[in-house]
Amino acid sequence: MTTQNNKSRNIDPEKVTAERLNGYAAFFGCIALVGAYATTGQIIPGFV
């Protein structure tokens, strides 16, 4: 017989919130990048 090792991991709710906010910020940055490129044609507007 095999035994299964069922250890539950406790993840701090603060870490989950921090990672979610980080994901939202990254997503917003990607949307801003696409918007800037669509309106100006430059990846970083004003930077040559």
C-alpha atoms as a PDB file:
ATOM      1  CA  MET A   1       0.000   0.000   0.000  1.00  0.00           C
ATOM      2  CA  THR A   2       1.060   3.538  -0.614  1.00  0.00           C
ATOM      3  CA  THR A   3       0.464   6.353   1.770  1.00  0.00           C
ATOM      4  CA  GLN A   4      -0.504   9.746   0.560  1.00  0.00           C
ATOM      5  CA  ASN A   5       1.039  12.779   2.093  1.00  0.00           C
ATOM      6  CA  ASN A   6      -1.776  15.329   2.312  1.00  0.00           C
ATOM      7  CA  LYS A   7      -0.284  18.446   3.772  1.00  0.00           C
ATOM      8  CA  SER A   8      -2.366  21.544   3.393  1.00  0.00           C
ATOM      9  CA  ARG A   9      -0.504  24.762   2.801  1.00  0.00           C
ATOM     10  CA  ASN A  10      -1.505  27.882   4.666  1.00  0.00           C
ATOM     11  CA  ILE A  11      -0.994  30.948   2.522  1.00  0.00           C
ATOM     12  CA  ASP A  12      -1.286  34.309   4.213  1.00  0.00           C
ATOM     13  CA  PRO A  13      -4.235  36.340   2.943  1.00  0.00           C
ATOM     14  CA  GLU A  14      -1.943  39.391   2.764  1.00  0.00           C
ATOM     15  CA  LYS A  15       0.289  37.594   0.255  1.00  0.00           C
ATOM     16  CA  VAL A  16      -2.688  36.626  -1.873  1.00  0.00           C
ATOM     17  CA  THR A  17      -3.883  40.226  -1.879  1.00  0.00           C
ATOM     18  CA  ALA A  18      -0.407  41.531  -2.708  1.00  0.00           C
ATOM     19  CA  GLU A  19      -0.017  39.129  -5.622  1.00  0.00           C
ATOM     20  CA  ARG A  20      -3.470  39.992  -6.941  1.00  0.00           C
ATOM     21  CA  LEU A  21      -2.695  43.738  -6.805  1.00  0.00           C
ATOM     22  CA  ASN A  22       0.618  43.076  -8.545  1.00  0.00           C
ATOM     23  CA  GLY A  23      -1.223  41.229 -11.297  1.00  0.00           C
ATOM     24  CA  TYR A  24      -3.721  44.075 -11.695  1.00  0.00           C
ATOM     25  CA  ALA A  25      -0.864  46.594 -11.934  1.00  0.00           C
ATOM     26  CA  ALA A  26       0.916  44.502 -14.561  1.00  0.00           C
ATOM     27  CA  PHE A  27      -2.287  44.107 -16.557  1.00  0.00           C
ATOM     28  CA  PHE A  28      -2.957  47.851 -16.373  1.00  0.00           C
ATOM     29  CA  GLY A  29       0.609  48.501 -17.556  1.00  0.00           C
ATOM     30  CA  CYS A  30       0.125  46.225 -20.557  1.00  0.00           C
ATOM     31  CA  ILE A  31      -3.146  47.944 -21.449  1.00  0.00           C
ATOM     32  CA  ALA A  32      -1.449  51.358 -21.122  1.00  0.00           C
ATOM     33  CA  LEU A  33       1.377  50.160 -23.371  1.00  0.00           C
ATOM     34  CA  VAL A  34      -1.062  49.031 -26.071  1.00  0.00           C
ATOM     35  CA  GLY A  35      -3.021  52.275 -25.739  1.00  0.00           C
ATOM     36  CA  ALA A  36       0.106  54.417 -26.040  1.00  0.00           C
ATOM     37  CA  TYR A  37       1.272  52.478 -29.072  1.00  0.00           C
ATOM     38  CA  ALA A  38      -2.142  52.691 -30.714  1.00  0.00           C
ATOM     39  CA  THR A  39      -2.444  56.454 -30.244  1.00  0.00           C
ATOM     40  CA  THR A  40       1.147  57.630 -30.806  1.00  0.00           C
ATOM     41  CA  GLY A  41       2.865  54.798 -32.653  1.00  0.00           C
ATOM     42  CA  GLN A  42       5.637  54.757 -30.055  1.00  0.00           C
ATOM     43  CA  ILE A  43       6.214  52.251 -27.289  1.00  0.00           C
ATOM     44  CA  ILE A  44       7.356  54.992 -24.892  1.00  0.00           C
ATOM     45  CA  PRO A  45       5.869  58.318 -26.031  1.00  0.00           C
ATOM     46  CA  GLY A  46       8.388  61.175 -25.982  1.00  0.00           C
ATOM     47  CA  PHE A  47      11.407  58.865 -25.774  1.00  0.00           C
ATOM     48  CA  VAL A  48      13.391  58.760 -28.999  1.00  0.00           C
END
